Amino acid sequence: MLGSSFLSRRVFYLTSGWMSVYHWREGELIDSRVFASDEAGLADFSHYLAAEPRVPAYFLVDIVEEEFREEAIPHVFGSDRRALVRTKQNRLFRDARYAHAIFQGRQSEGRRDDVVLFTALIRPDLLSPWLAQITRHRVPLAGIYSVPILSRSLLKKMPVTSDHALLATLQSSGGLRQTFFHRGQLKISRLAVLPPGDEVRCVPQILQEIEKIRRYLNSLRLLPRDNPLDVYVLTRGPVLEELNRHAADSPTLRHHFVDVVELASRNGVALPPDSPYADILFARVLAREAPKSHYASRTETRYYQMYRLRAGMLAASLVLALGSLAWSGLTTIKGAVAVQERAIVEQQVGFYSERYRLAQERLPATPAKAHELKKAVDAVQTLSEYKSSPMRTLMVLSRALDSTPALEIDGIEWAASTVADAPLVWAKRRRSGDRRGTARSDSRGKSEQLYQIAKVSGRIVPFDGNYRVALDRINGFADMLSQLSGVEDVDVLSLPLDVSSDQSLHGSVGADTNQQTARFELRITIEVRDGDTG
């Protein structure tokens, strides 16, 4: 029953004599039940609700005790507007428990106040017994609605072009509902009670009631004297024929007769062929449009809010379940595909591994391993690409010697290598700082890098025996070399006076200075970049 309640709804149609219940499923009103307005009828209604408590309900009221007042209020917003409306309702109606306000634009002159139509059901005791049963059985009540207010939706479905239109409908309760609209806005409505019996005999009284309300509209200045009132009467069969026969148009009154069965059929409602009443048509409009409540309080609609929350949770759970099902199905399919792909890959790996093993067995024995041969080939390719000469090294030395004329170079041992630490001579003291560490880390990241390595031998000329000055000049020369572009490392291999901590200090102090020499040896490592000469 819970699942079906989300797909259906019902309309409780209250008149002065009974309560009619219309069931709505899949866009159609499928059946109805009637309960009398007495203790027995209320008891039957209670039993009915106990059997179907969870189907949402729309309470539609069509009674005489409904008042309409048009007022102007200041143009305000928010809580000020709500407070002003509530104050106005309490002043206009002796019981404003079921009151409603319809804002219909603003005045064209003066302060341009808001024009508001205040409506109210002034006999709440007519609704209370039915609402008590609805609350008792926790029926999800969507709202309490007014037939006159709902008539505006019905008017839009008719070919009405007049600024002053009166919609007249026959109700099954034995009344004539007359609702006046000015430019599509509800202004006033009246339910006239017709004598019981054959509706055809009531045609003269129907025409009299129409004339009465025309005069009443004139007295309220809702109908200009020079404009006619267009009356649209919804009925059927003999009543329609009798009205056509007796109704006479005049400069102040024009009649338009609409077949209620044909109008209902155009809007998807099937009425009995001989029914002159519009009750089911109003119920159909309410069930289909489900507008915002006119009169119900939050307390009276609390079970409907719970119903909507439950429906939302059910829908979310359904979407989540479907999504989970789809996701699990997709994951299962992906898993199956992955297993198949893994089996194929394993077969391919085994096949090519076996072919590789067989190919290796056919190859002749080599003096070195494959990865060592690859390194050798890469080194040869790098050296052949660069085709190095000592020109790069000589240019670097030339720049440094320009600033140090007291140094003479006696010899240069030069080599090119892809290894920066190629062991020409082990260094005793190193002049590079962070630059060598950077070069090494970079060289590991590259495939092959070419370096020029030179062992430079020289002396201080002239040398006067001052070893401190000689050492400073040699160290300065080494520092200058290390600052030049492309120089990766400068190592001092030997000095005129060995000052290493692991060697004994020695030198010739008493010798002839003319015969003394201040010799030194340096090891220079230079990175060869693309575009470098040599």
Protein backbone atom coordinates (compact mmCIF):
# COMPACT_ATOMS: atom_id res chain seq x y z
CA MET A 1 0.00 0.00 0.00
CA LEU A 2 2.91 2.35 0.69
CA GLY A 3 4.23 2.01 -2.83
CA SER A 4 0.83 2.63 -4.42
CA SER A 5 0.20 5.68 -2.22
CA PHE A 6 3.10 7.48 -3.88
CA LEU A 7 1.36 7.09 -7.25
CA SER A 8 -2.15 8.13 -6.20
CA ARG A 9 -4.06 10.84 -4.35
CA ARG A 10 -7.63 11.69 -3.47
CA VAL A 11 -9.88 14.71 -3.18
CA PHE A 12 -12.22 15.23 -0.21
CA TYR A 13 -15.02 17.44 -1.58
CA LEU A 14 -17.02 19.00 1.28
CA THR A 15 -20.44 20.60 0.71
CA SER A 16 -23.14 21.61 3.16
CA GLY A 17 -24.80 18.19 2.98
CA TRP A 18 -22.07 15.59 2.54
CA MET A 19 -18.47 14.70 1.86
CA SER A 20 -17.56 13.22 -1.54
CA VAL A 21 -14.27 11.37 -2.02
CA TYR A 22 -12.70 11.14 -5.49
CA HIS A 23 -9.74 8.84 -6.12
CA TRP A 24 -7.03 9.84 -8.57
CA ARG A 25 -4.71 7.29 -10.13
CA GLU A 26 -2.52 7.56 -13.22
CA GLY A 27 -4.02 10.90 -14.24
CA GLU A 28 -7.69 9.92 -13.93
CA LEU A 29 -10.49 10.11 -11.35
CA ILE A 30 -11.46 6.46 -11.15
CA ASP A 31 -14.16 6.22 -8.48
CA SER A 32 -15.94 8.15 -5.72
CA ARG A 33 -17.66 7.64 -2.39
CA VAL A 34 -20.16 9.82 -0.52
CA PHE A 35 -20.49 10.28 3.26
CA ALA A 36 -23.42 12.14 4.83
CA SER A 37 -22.81 15.05 7.21
CA ASP A 38 -24.10 13.22 10.30
CA GLU A 39 -22.76 10.84 12.94
CA ALA A 40 -23.27 7.77 10.78
CA GLY A 41 -21.52 9.42 7.85
CA LEU A 42 -18.58 10.44 10.05
CA ALA A 43 -18.31 6.88 11.38
CA ASP A 44 -18.27 5.48 7.85
CA PHE A 45 -15.68 8.08 6.90
CA SER A 46 -13.51 7.00 9.85
CA HIS A 47 -13.70 3.33 8.78
CA TYR A 48 -12.79 4.33 5.25
CA LEU A 49 -9.73 6.29 6.41
CA ALA A 50 -8.62 3.41 8.63
CA ALA A 51 -8.51 1.17 5.55
CA GLU A 52 -6.50 3.66 3.46
CA PRO A 53 -4.66 6.03 5.79
CA ARG A 54 -1.52 6.68 3.75
CA VAL A 55 -2.95 8.01 0.49
CA PRO A 56 -2.48 11.82 0.42
CA ALA A 57 -5.64 13.93 0.42
CA TYR A 58 -6.69 17.38 -0.86
CA PHE A 59 -9.58 18.91 1.09
CA LEU A 60 -11.84 20.97 -1.24
CA VAL A 61 -14.52 23.17 0.38
CA ASP A 62 -17.69 24.42 -1.36
CA ILE A 63 -19.92 26.04 1.25
CA VAL A 64 -21.98 29.21 1.65
CA GLU A 65 -19.96 30.35 4.68
CA GLU A 66 -17.02 31.81 2.76
CA GLU A 67 -16.44 35.56 2.67
CA PHE A 68 -14.45 37.80 0.31
CA ARG A 69 -13.13 41.29 1.11
CA GLU A 70 -10.92 43.45 -1.10
CA GLU A 71 -8.64 45.84 0.78
CA ALA A 72 -5.58 48.01 0.16
CA ILE A 73 -2.56 47.69 2.44
CA PRO A 74 0.84 49.45 2.43
CA HIS A 75 3.43 47.99 0.10
CA VAL A 76 5.81 46.25 2.51
CA PHE A 77 7.74 42.98 2.54
CA GLY A 78 8.77 40.06 4.72
CA SER A 79 7.69 39.89 8.34
CA ASP A 80 6.06 43.33 8.13
CA ARG A 81 3.77 42.13 5.36
CA ARG A 82 2.88 38.93 7.24
CA ALA A 83 2.07 40.87 10.41
CA LEU A 84 -0.02 43.39 8.47
CA VAL A 85 -1.97 40.64 6.71
CA ARG A 86 -2.67 38.80 9.96
CA THR A 87 -3.87 42.02 11.65
CA LYS A 88 -6.15 42.78 8.70
CA GLN A 89 -7.61 39.27 8.72
CA ASN A 90 -8.43 39.47 12.42
CA ARG A 91 -10.25 42.77 11.86
CA LEU A 92 -12.23 41.63 8.81
CA PHE A 93 -13.42 38.21 10.04
CA ARG A 94 -14.81 37.17 13.38
CA ASP A 95 -12.93 33.86 13.12
CA ALA A 96 -9.75 34.07 11.04
CA ARG A 97 -8.62 30.52 11.72
CA TYR A 98 -9.06 29.65 8.04
CA ALA A 99 -8.13 32.87 6.24
CA HIS A 100 -6.25 33.48 3.02
CA ALA A 101 -4.79 36.54 1.24
CA ILE A 102 -4.42 36.92 -2.54
CA PHE A 103 -2.23 39.80 -3.74
CA GLN A 104 -3.64 41.24 -6.97
CA GLY A 105 -1.25 44.00 -7.93
CA ARG A 106 -0.99 47.62 -6.79
CA GLN A 107 -3.10 50.73 -6.99
CA SER A 108 -2.32 53.06 -9.88
CA GLU A 109 -2.59 56.28 -7.84
CA GLY A 110 -1.53 57.70 -4.48
CA ARG A 111 0.86 55.57 -2.43
CA ARG A 112 0.41 52.66 -4.84
CA ASP A 113 -0.72 50.36 -2.05
CA ASP A 114 -1.09 46.63 -2.59
CA VAL A 115 -4.55 45.39 -3.62
CA VAL A 116 -5.34 42.27 -1.60
CA LEU A 117 -8.36 39.96 -1.69
CA PHE A 118 -8.95 38.53 1.79
CA THR A 119 -10.98 35.33 1.99
CA ALA A 120 -12.05 33.23 4.97
CA LEU A 121 -14.16 30.22 5.94
CA ILE A 122 -16.20 31.77 8.73
CA ARG A 123 -17.72 28.49 9.99
CA PRO A 124 -14.74 26.32 11.02
CA ASP A 125 -17.13 24.02 12.88
CA LEU A 126 -18.32 22.67 9.52
CA LEU A 127 -14.81 21.39 8.81
CA SER A 128 -13.74 20.35 12.31
CA PRO A 129 -15.43 16.89 12.51
CA TRP A 130 -13.94 15.80 9.20
CA LEU A 131 -10.50 17.23 9.95
CA ALA A 132 -10.52 15.51 13.35
CA GLN A 133 -10.94 12.12 11.67
CA ILE A 134 -8.24 12.95 9.12
CA THR A 135 -5.80 13.89 11.90
CA ARG A 136 -6.78 10.88 14.00
CA HIS A 137 -5.83 8.46 11.22
CA ARG A 138 -2.70 10.46 10.32
CA VAL A 139 -3.80 10.98 6.75
CA PRO A 140 -1.25 13.08 4.80
CA LEU A 141 -3.37 16.19 4.20
CA ALA A 142 -1.84 18.36 1.47
CA GLY A 143 -4.08 21.35 2.16
CA ILE A 144 -7.55 22.88 2.43
CA TYR A 145 -8.78 24.49 -0.79
CA SER A 146 -11.58 26.79 -1.89
CA VAL A 147 -13.76 26.15 -4.96
CA PRO A 148 -14.02 29.90 -5.79
CA ILE A 149 -10.23 30.35 -5.65
CA LEU A 150 -9.78 27.19 -7.73
CA SER A 151 -12.30 28.53 -10.27
CA ARG A 152 -9.61 30.78 -11.71
CA SER A 153 -7.78 27.72 -13.03
CA LEU A 154 -11.02 26.51 -14.61
CA LEU A 155 -11.65 29.92 -16.18
CA LYS A 156 -8.26 29.75 -17.93
CA LYS A 157 -9.39 26.59 -19.71
CA MET A 158 -12.36 28.42 -21.27
CA PRO A 159 -12.47 30.88 -24.19
CA VAL A 160 -13.08 33.93 -21.98
CA THR A 161 -12.08 37.33 -23.41
CA SER A 162 -14.24 39.70 -21.33
CA ASP A 163 -12.78 41.89 -18.57
CA HIS A 164 -15.89 41.29 -16.47
CA ALA A 165 -16.77 37.59 -16.35
CA LEU A 166 -19.17 35.67 -14.12
CA LEU A 167 -18.63 31.91 -13.94
CA ALA A 168 -21.83 30.08 -12.96
CA THR A 169 -21.79 26.34 -12.19
CA LEU A 170 -24.38 23.92 -10.86
CA GLN A 171 -23.21 21.92 -7.85
CA SER A 172 -24.53 18.47 -6.89
CA SER A 173 -25.31 19.80 -3.41
CA GLY A 174 -28.21 21.76 -4.92
CA GLY A 175 -26.52 25.13 -5.26
CA LEU A 176 -25.55 27.65 -7.92
CA ARG A 177 -21.95 28.81 -7.53
CA GLN A 178 -21.36 32.27 -9.06
CA THR A 179 -17.80 33.63 -9.13
CA PHE A 180 -16.95 37.06 -10.52
CA PHE A 181 -13.60 37.87 -12.18
CA HIS A 182 -12.25 41.24 -13.20
CA ARG A 183 -9.51 40.87 -15.81
CA GLY A 184 -8.89 37.32 -14.65
CA GLN A 185 -8.67 38.22 -10.95
CA LEU A 186 -11.15 36.76 -8.46
CA LYS A 187 -13.23 39.46 -6.75
CA ILE A 188 -16.25 37.81 -5.18
CA SER A 189 -18.12 34.50 -5.12
CA ARG A 190 -21.56 33.48 -3.91
CA LEU A 191 -23.26 30.12 -3.48
CA ALA A 192 -27.03 30.37 -3.93
CA VAL A 193 -29.17 27.50 -2.70
CA LEU A 194 -31.65 26.17 -5.27
CA PRO A 195 -34.88 24.37 -4.35
CA PRO A 196 -34.59 20.58 -4.39
CA GLY A 197 -35.99 18.65 -7.32
CA ASP A 198 -35.62 18.76 -11.07
CA GLU A 199 -32.89 21.19 -12.17
CA VAL A 200 -34.91 22.14 -15.27
CA ARG A 201 -37.58 23.66 -13.06
CA CYS A 202 -34.89 25.79 -11.40
CA VAL A 203 -33.93 27.58 -14.63
CA PRO A 204 -36.04 30.71 -13.85
CA GLN A 205 -34.45 30.93 -10.40
CA ILE A 206 -30.98 30.49 -11.92
CA LEU A 207 -31.60 33.49 -14.18
CA GLN A 208 -32.95 35.47 -11.23
CA GLU A 209 -29.81 34.72 -9.19
CA ILE A 210 -27.64 35.89 -12.08
CA GLU A 211 -29.54 39.17 -12.25
CA LYS A 212 -29.25 39.59 -8.47
CA ILE A 213 -25.50 39.28 -8.48
CA ARG A 214 -25.26 41.68 -11.43
CA ARG A 215 -27.05 44.32 -9.39
CA TYR A 216 -24.90 43.48 -6.38
CA LEU A 217 -21.74 44.00 -8.44
CA ASN A 218 -23.07 47.37 -9.58
CA SER A 219 -23.69 48.38 -5.99
CA LEU A 220 -20.10 47.46 -5.08
CA ARG A 221 -18.87 49.41 -8.12
CA LEU A 222 -17.13 46.30 -9.38
CA LEU A 223 -19.04 46.47 -12.66
CA PRO A 224 -19.09 49.70 -14.71
CA ARG A 225 -22.59 50.74 -15.74
CA ASP A 226 -21.65 51.09 -19.40
CA ASN A 227 -20.00 47.64 -19.60
CA PRO A 228 -22.01 44.42 -19.90
CA LEU A 229 -21.47 41.43 -17.63
CA ASP A 230 -20.50 38.28 -19.53
CA VAL A 231 -21.99 35.23 -17.82
CA TYR A 232 -20.51 31.79 -18.56
CA VAL A 233 -22.88 29.03 -17.43
CA LEU A 234 -21.50 25.49 -17.22
CA THR A 235 -24.24 22.87 -17.44
CA ARG A 236 -25.56 20.07 -19.62
CA GLY A 237 -28.56 18.52 -21.37
CA PRO A 238 -32.10 19.75 -20.69
CA VAL A 239 -30.92 22.46 -18.31
CA LEU A 240 -28.70 23.92 -21.02
CA GLU A 241 -31.53 23.80 -23.54
CA GLU A 242 -33.97 25.47 -21.14
CA LEU A 243 -31.48 28.26 -20.36
CA ASN A 244 -30.99 28.91 -24.06
CA ARG A 245 -34.73 29.21 -24.43
CA HIS A 246 -35.36 31.64 -21.56
CA ALA A 247 -32.15 33.69 -21.28
CA ALA A 248 -32.23 37.04 -23.05
CA ASP A 249 -29.17 39.18 -23.65
CA SER A 250 -29.26 42.89 -22.92
CA PRO A 251 -26.84 45.85 -22.99
CA THR A 252 -25.91 44.99 -19.40
CA LEU A 253 -25.92 41.19 -19.57
CA ARG A 254 -24.65 38.65 -22.07
CA HIS A 255 -25.05 34.88 -21.65
CA HIS A 256 -22.57 32.22 -22.78
CA PHE A 257 -23.60 28.59 -22.27
CA VAL A 258 -20.82 25.99 -22.06
CA ASP A 259 -21.41 22.24 -22.18
CA VAL A 260 -19.74 21.04 -18.99
CA VAL A 261 -19.29 17.49 -20.32
CA GLU A 262 -17.50 18.72 -23.44
CA LEU A 263 -15.30 21.06 -21.38
CA ALA A 264 -14.45 18.21 -19.02
CA SER A 265 -13.68 15.91 -21.94
CA ARG A 266 -11.25 18.46 -23.41
CA ASN A 267 -9.46 18.48 -20.05
CA GLY A 268 -9.30 14.70 -19.68
CA VAL A 269 -12.28 14.20 -17.37
CA ALA A 270 -15.07 11.76 -18.17
CA LEU A 271 -18.41 12.97 -16.75
CA PRO A 272 -21.71 11.11 -16.92
CA PRO A 273 -23.38 12.11 -20.23
CA ASP A 274 -26.44 13.59 -18.53
CA SER A 275 -24.68 15.26 -15.56
CA PRO A 276 -25.21 19.05 -15.35
CA TYR A 277 -22.83 19.41 -12.36
CA ALA A 278 -19.24 20.65 -12.23
CA ASP A 279 -18.12 18.98 -8.97
CA ILE A 280 -15.94 16.36 -10.65
CA LEU A 281 -14.41 19.00 -12.91
CA PHE A 282 -13.25 21.02 -9.89
CA ALA A 283 -11.92 17.86 -8.24
CA ARG A 284 -10.02 17.02 -11.44
CA VAL A 285 -8.41 20.47 -11.59
CA LEU A 286 -7.32 20.20 -7.95
CA ALA A 287 -5.96 16.65 -8.25
CA ARG A 288 -4.03 17.48 -11.40
CA GLU A 289 -2.55 20.87 -10.45
CA ALA A 290 -2.07 20.22 -6.70
CA PRO A 291 -1.57 23.93 -5.88
CA LYS A 292 -0.34 25.41 -2.62
CA SER A 293 -2.83 25.15 0.22
CA HIS A 294 -5.32 28.01 0.69
CA TYR A 295 -6.44 27.54 4.29
CA ALA A 296 -4.64 24.66 6.06
CA SER A 297 -2.25 25.31 8.94
CA ARG A 298 1.12 23.65 9.39
CA THR A 299 -0.27 21.48 12.15
CA GLU A 300 -2.95 20.11 9.84
CA THR A 301 -0.44 19.34 7.07
CA ARG A 302 2.34 17.90 9.25
CA TYR A 303 1.64 14.31 8.16
CA TYR A 304 1.81 15.38 4.53
CA GLN A 305 5.25 16.87 5.11
CA MET A 306 6.32 13.57 6.68
CA TYR A 307 4.83 11.76 3.69
CA ARG A 308 6.84 13.90 1.27
CA LEU A 309 10.00 13.33 3.28
CA ARG A 310 9.36 9.58 3.25
CA ALA A 311 8.71 9.69 -0.49
CA GLY A 312 11.92 11.63 -1.05
CA MET A 313 13.91 9.16 1.03
CA LEU A 314 12.37 6.24 -0.86
CA ALA A 315 13.20 7.86 -4.20
CA ALA A 316 16.75 8.57 -3.07
CA SER A 317 17.13 4.99 -1.84
CA LEU A 318 15.82 3.68 -5.14
CA VAL A 319 18.24 5.86 -7.11
CA LEU A 320 21.09 4.78 -4.83
CA ALA A 321 20.15 1.12 -5.21
CA LEU A 322 19.95 1.40 -8.99
CA GLY A 323 23.24 3.29 -9.06
CA SER A 324 24.90 0.67 -6.86
CA LEU A 325 23.52 -2.11 -9.03
CA ALA A 326 24.80 -0.42 -12.18
CA TRP A 327 28.18 0.25 -10.59
CA SER A 328 28.56 -3.32 -9.35
CA GLY A 329 27.60 -4.63 -12.78
CA LEU A 330 30.13 -2.36 -14.45
CA THR A 331 32.80 -3.37 -11.93
CA THR A 332 32.05 -7.04 -12.52
CA ILE A 333 32.36 -6.58 -16.27
CA LYS A 334 35.63 -4.66 -15.87
CA GLY A 335 36.95 -7.38 -13.55
CA ALA A 336 36.13 -10.11 -16.05
CA VAL A 337 37.80 -8.13 -18.83
CA ALA A 338 40.87 -7.55 -16.64
CA VAL A 339 41.15 -11.28 -15.90
CA GLN A 340 40.98 -12.08 -19.60
CA GLU A 341 43.56 -9.40 -20.45
CA ARG A 342 45.88 -10.68 -17.71
CA ALA A 343 45.68 -14.21 -19.08
CA ILE A 344 46.50 -12.92 -22.58
CA VAL A 345 49.44 -10.86 -21.28
CA GLU A 346 50.80 -13.83 -19.30
CA GLN A 347 50.63 -15.97 -22.43
CA GLN A 348 52.46 -13.30 -24.43
CA VAL A 349 55.13 -12.90 -21.72
CA GLY A 350 55.71 -16.64 -21.61
CA PHE A 351 55.88 -16.84 -25.39
CA TYR A 352 58.39 -14.01 -25.79
CA SER A 353 60.44 -15.13 -22.78
CA GLU A 354 60.83 -18.55 -24.34
CA ARG A 355 61.82 -17.03 -27.68
CA TYR A 356 64.34 -14.76 -25.94
CA ARG A 357 65.86 -17.72 -24.09
CA LEU A 358 66.19 -19.71 -27.29
CA ALA A 359 67.74 -16.72 -29.06
CA GLN A 360 70.29 -16.30 -26.26
CA GLU A 361 71.24 -19.97 -26.49
CA ARG A 362 72.01 -19.55 -30.20
CA LEU A 363 74.27 -16.50 -29.65
CA PRO A 364 78.07 -16.99 -29.30
CA ALA A 365 79.68 -16.37 -25.92
CA THR A 366 80.65 -12.73 -25.25
CA PRO A 367 83.43 -11.44 -22.95
CA ALA A 368 81.08 -8.94 -21.27
CA LYS A 369 77.49 -8.73 -20.20
CA ALA A 370 74.84 -7.03 -22.33
CA HIS A 371 74.41 -3.97 -20.12
CA GLU A 372 78.18 -3.40 -20.06
CA LEU A 373 78.31 -3.57 -23.84
CA LYS A 374 75.49 -1.03 -24.00
CA LYS A 375 77.44 1.40 -21.82
CA ALA A 376 80.50 1.02 -24.04
CA VAL A 377 78.49 1.63 -27.19
CA ASP A 378 76.84 4.71 -25.67
CA ALA A 379 80.26 6.09 -24.70
CA VAL A 380 81.64 5.57 -28.19
CA GLN A 381 78.58 7.26 -29.73
CA THR A 382 78.95 10.23 -27.40
CA LEU A 383 82.65 10.66 -28.16
CA SER A 384 82.05 10.31 -31.89
CA GLU A 385 79.31 12.97 -31.78
CA TYR A 386 81.47 15.50 -29.97
CA LYS A 387 84.83 14.70 -31.71
CA SER A 388 86.65 16.54 -28.92
CA SER A 389 89.93 18.49 -29.11
CA PRO A 390 91.81 20.31 -26.30
CA MET A 391 90.73 23.68 -27.69
CA ARG A 392 88.04 24.07 -25.03
CA THR A 393 90.58 23.41 -22.25
CA LEU A 394 93.15 25.79 -23.74
CA MET A 395 90.57 28.59 -23.98
CA VAL A 396 89.66 28.17 -20.30
CA LEU A 397 93.34 28.27 -19.24
CA SER A 398 93.96 31.29 -21.45
CA ARG A 399 91.19 33.30 -19.77
CA ALA A 400 92.58 32.52 -16.31
CA LEU A 401 96.23 33.25 -17.25
CA ASP A 402 95.29 36.68 -18.58
CA SER A 403 94.58 37.70 -15.00
CA THR A 404 97.60 35.88 -13.50
CA PRO A 405 100.74 36.81 -15.52
CA ALA A 406 103.15 35.50 -12.84
CA LEU A 407 102.25 31.89 -13.69
CA GLU A 408 103.84 29.92 -16.50
CA ILE A 409 102.49 26.65 -17.85
CA ASP A 410 105.13 23.98 -18.47
CA GLY A 411 102.89 21.10 -19.56
CA ILE A 412 99.30 19.92 -20.14
CA GLU A 413 98.10 16.31 -20.10
CA TRP A 414 94.63 16.24 -21.71
CA ALA A 415 91.90 13.61 -22.10
CA ALA A 416 88.16 13.38 -22.96
CA SER A 417 85.81 11.09 -21.06
CA THR A 418 82.17 10.50 -20.27
CA VAL A 419 83.07 10.14 -16.60
CA ALA A 420 83.90 13.29 -14.69
CA ASP A 421 86.03 11.38 -12.17
CA ALA A 422 88.23 9.64 -14.74
CA PRO A 423 91.33 8.73 -12.64
CA LEU A 424 94.21 10.62 -14.26
CA VAL A 425 95.76 11.56 -10.91
CA TRP A 426 94.18 11.38 -7.44
CA ALA A 427 93.42 14.80 -6.04
CA LYS A 428 95.01 16.00 -2.85
CA ARG A 429 92.97 19.11 -2.31
CA ARG A 430 89.67 20.13 -4.00
CA ARG A 431 88.71 23.69 -4.98
CA SER A 432 85.08 23.14 -6.06
CA GLY A 433 82.16 23.55 -3.73
CA ASP A 434 78.57 22.60 -4.49
CA ARG A 435 79.22 22.68 -8.22
CA ARG A 436 80.78 19.21 -8.33
CA GLY A 437 77.92 17.63 -6.41
CA THR A 438 75.48 19.19 -8.81
CA ALA A 439 77.43 17.95 -11.81
CA ARG A 440 77.47 14.42 -10.46
CA SER A 441 73.77 14.32 -9.77
CA ASP A 442 73.11 15.76 -13.19
CA SER A 443 75.42 13.24 -14.82
CA ARG A 444 73.46 10.41 -13.25
CA GLY A 445 70.24 11.78 -14.67
CA LYS A 446 71.64 12.05 -18.21
CA SER A 447 72.34 9.16 -20.53
CA GLU A 448 75.96 10.26 -21.38
CA GLN A 449 77.83 13.57 -20.78
CA LEU A 450 81.25 14.44 -22.26
CA TYR A 451 83.99 15.96 -20.10
CA GLN A 452 87.50 17.29 -20.88
CA ILE A 453 90.04 16.54 -18.15
CA ALA A 454 93.46 18.21 -18.03
CA LYS A 455 96.48 17.91 -15.74
CA VAL A 456 98.27 21.28 -15.83
CA SER A 457 101.90 21.68 -14.65
CA GLY A 458 103.39 25.13 -14.07
CA ARG A 459 105.51 27.44 -11.92
CA ILE A 460 105.70 30.95 -10.44
CA VAL A 461 107.99 33.26 -12.42
CA PRO A 462 109.76 35.09 -10.98
CA PHE A 463 109.93 33.39 -7.57
CA ASP A 464 111.72 35.24 -4.76
CA GLY A 465 111.43 32.48 -2.17
CA ASN A 466 108.23 33.81 -0.58
CA TYR A 467 106.11 30.66 -0.38
CA ARG A 468 103.14 32.47 1.13
CA VAL A 469 102.82 34.71 -1.92
CA ALA A 470 103.35 31.73 -4.23
CA LEU A 471 100.65 29.70 -2.51
CA ASP A 472 98.22 32.61 -2.63
CA ARG A 473 98.80 33.07 -6.37
CA ILE A 474 98.35 29.37 -7.13
CA ASN A 475 95.20 29.15 -4.99
CA GLY A 476 93.87 32.33 -6.58
CA PHE A 477 94.53 30.86 -10.02
CA ALA A 478 92.64 27.69 -9.04
CA ASP A 479 89.73 29.74 -7.64
CA MET A 480 89.56 31.82 -10.83
CA LEU A 481 89.44 28.65 -12.96
CA SER A 482 86.61 27.20 -10.83
CA GLN A 483 84.48 30.32 -11.47
CA LEU A 484 84.68 30.11 -15.27
CA SER A 485 81.66 28.84 -17.25
CA GLY A 486 81.72 25.09 -17.91
CA VAL A 487 84.40 24.27 -15.32
CA GLU A 488 83.05 21.43 -13.18
CA ASP A 489 86.02 20.89 -10.87
CA VAL A 490 89.55 22.16 -10.08
CA ASP A 491 91.86 20.00 -7.93
CA VAL A 492 95.26 21.17 -6.64
CA LEU A 493 97.53 18.13 -7.01
CA SER A 494 100.80 19.66 -5.77
CA LEU A 495 102.10 22.95 -4.34
CA PRO A 496 105.61 24.42 -3.90
CA LEU A 497 105.23 23.89 -0.18
CA ASP A 498 103.14 20.89 0.96
CA VAL A 499 100.87 22.10 3.76
CA SER A 500 98.62 19.04 3.94
CA SER A 501 97.76 17.87 7.45
CA ASP A 502 98.89 14.32 6.68
CA GLN A 503 102.35 15.34 5.37
CA SER A 504 105.39 16.75 7.12
CA LEU A 505 106.10 20.38 6.32
CA HIS A 506 109.19 20.70 4.14
CA GLY A 507 110.89 23.20 1.86
CA SER A 508 114.33 24.67 1.17
CA VAL A 509 114.65 27.80 3.30
CA GLY A 510 118.36 28.51 3.09
CA ALA A 511 118.84 27.84 -0.60
CA ASP A 512 119.65 30.44 -3.20
CA THR A 513 116.47 32.13 -4.31
CA ASN A 514 117.67 32.30 -7.89
CA GLN A 515 117.83 28.51 -8.01
CA GLN A 516 114.53 27.94 -6.21
CA THR A 517 111.32 27.25 -8.17
CA ALA A 518 107.68 27.28 -7.10
CA ARG A 519 106.08 24.46 -9.09
CA PHE A 520 102.45 23.31 -8.95
CA GLU A 521 100.07 20.84 -10.60
CA LEU A 522 96.29 21.23 -11.13
CA ARG A 523 93.57 18.86 -12.35
CA ILE A 524 90.76 20.60 -14.27
CA THR A 525 87.42 18.98 -15.27
CA ILE A 526 85.39 20.86 -17.92
CA GLU A 527 81.84 19.97 -19.07
CA VAL A 528 81.44 20.10 -22.84
CA ARG A 529 78.02 21.47 -23.83
CA ASP A 530 76.31 21.51 -27.22
CA GLY A 531 77.73 24.32 -29.30
CA ASP A 532 81.05 24.53 -27.41
CA THR A 533 84.13 24.85 -29.59
CA GLY A 534 86.25 21.72 -29.50
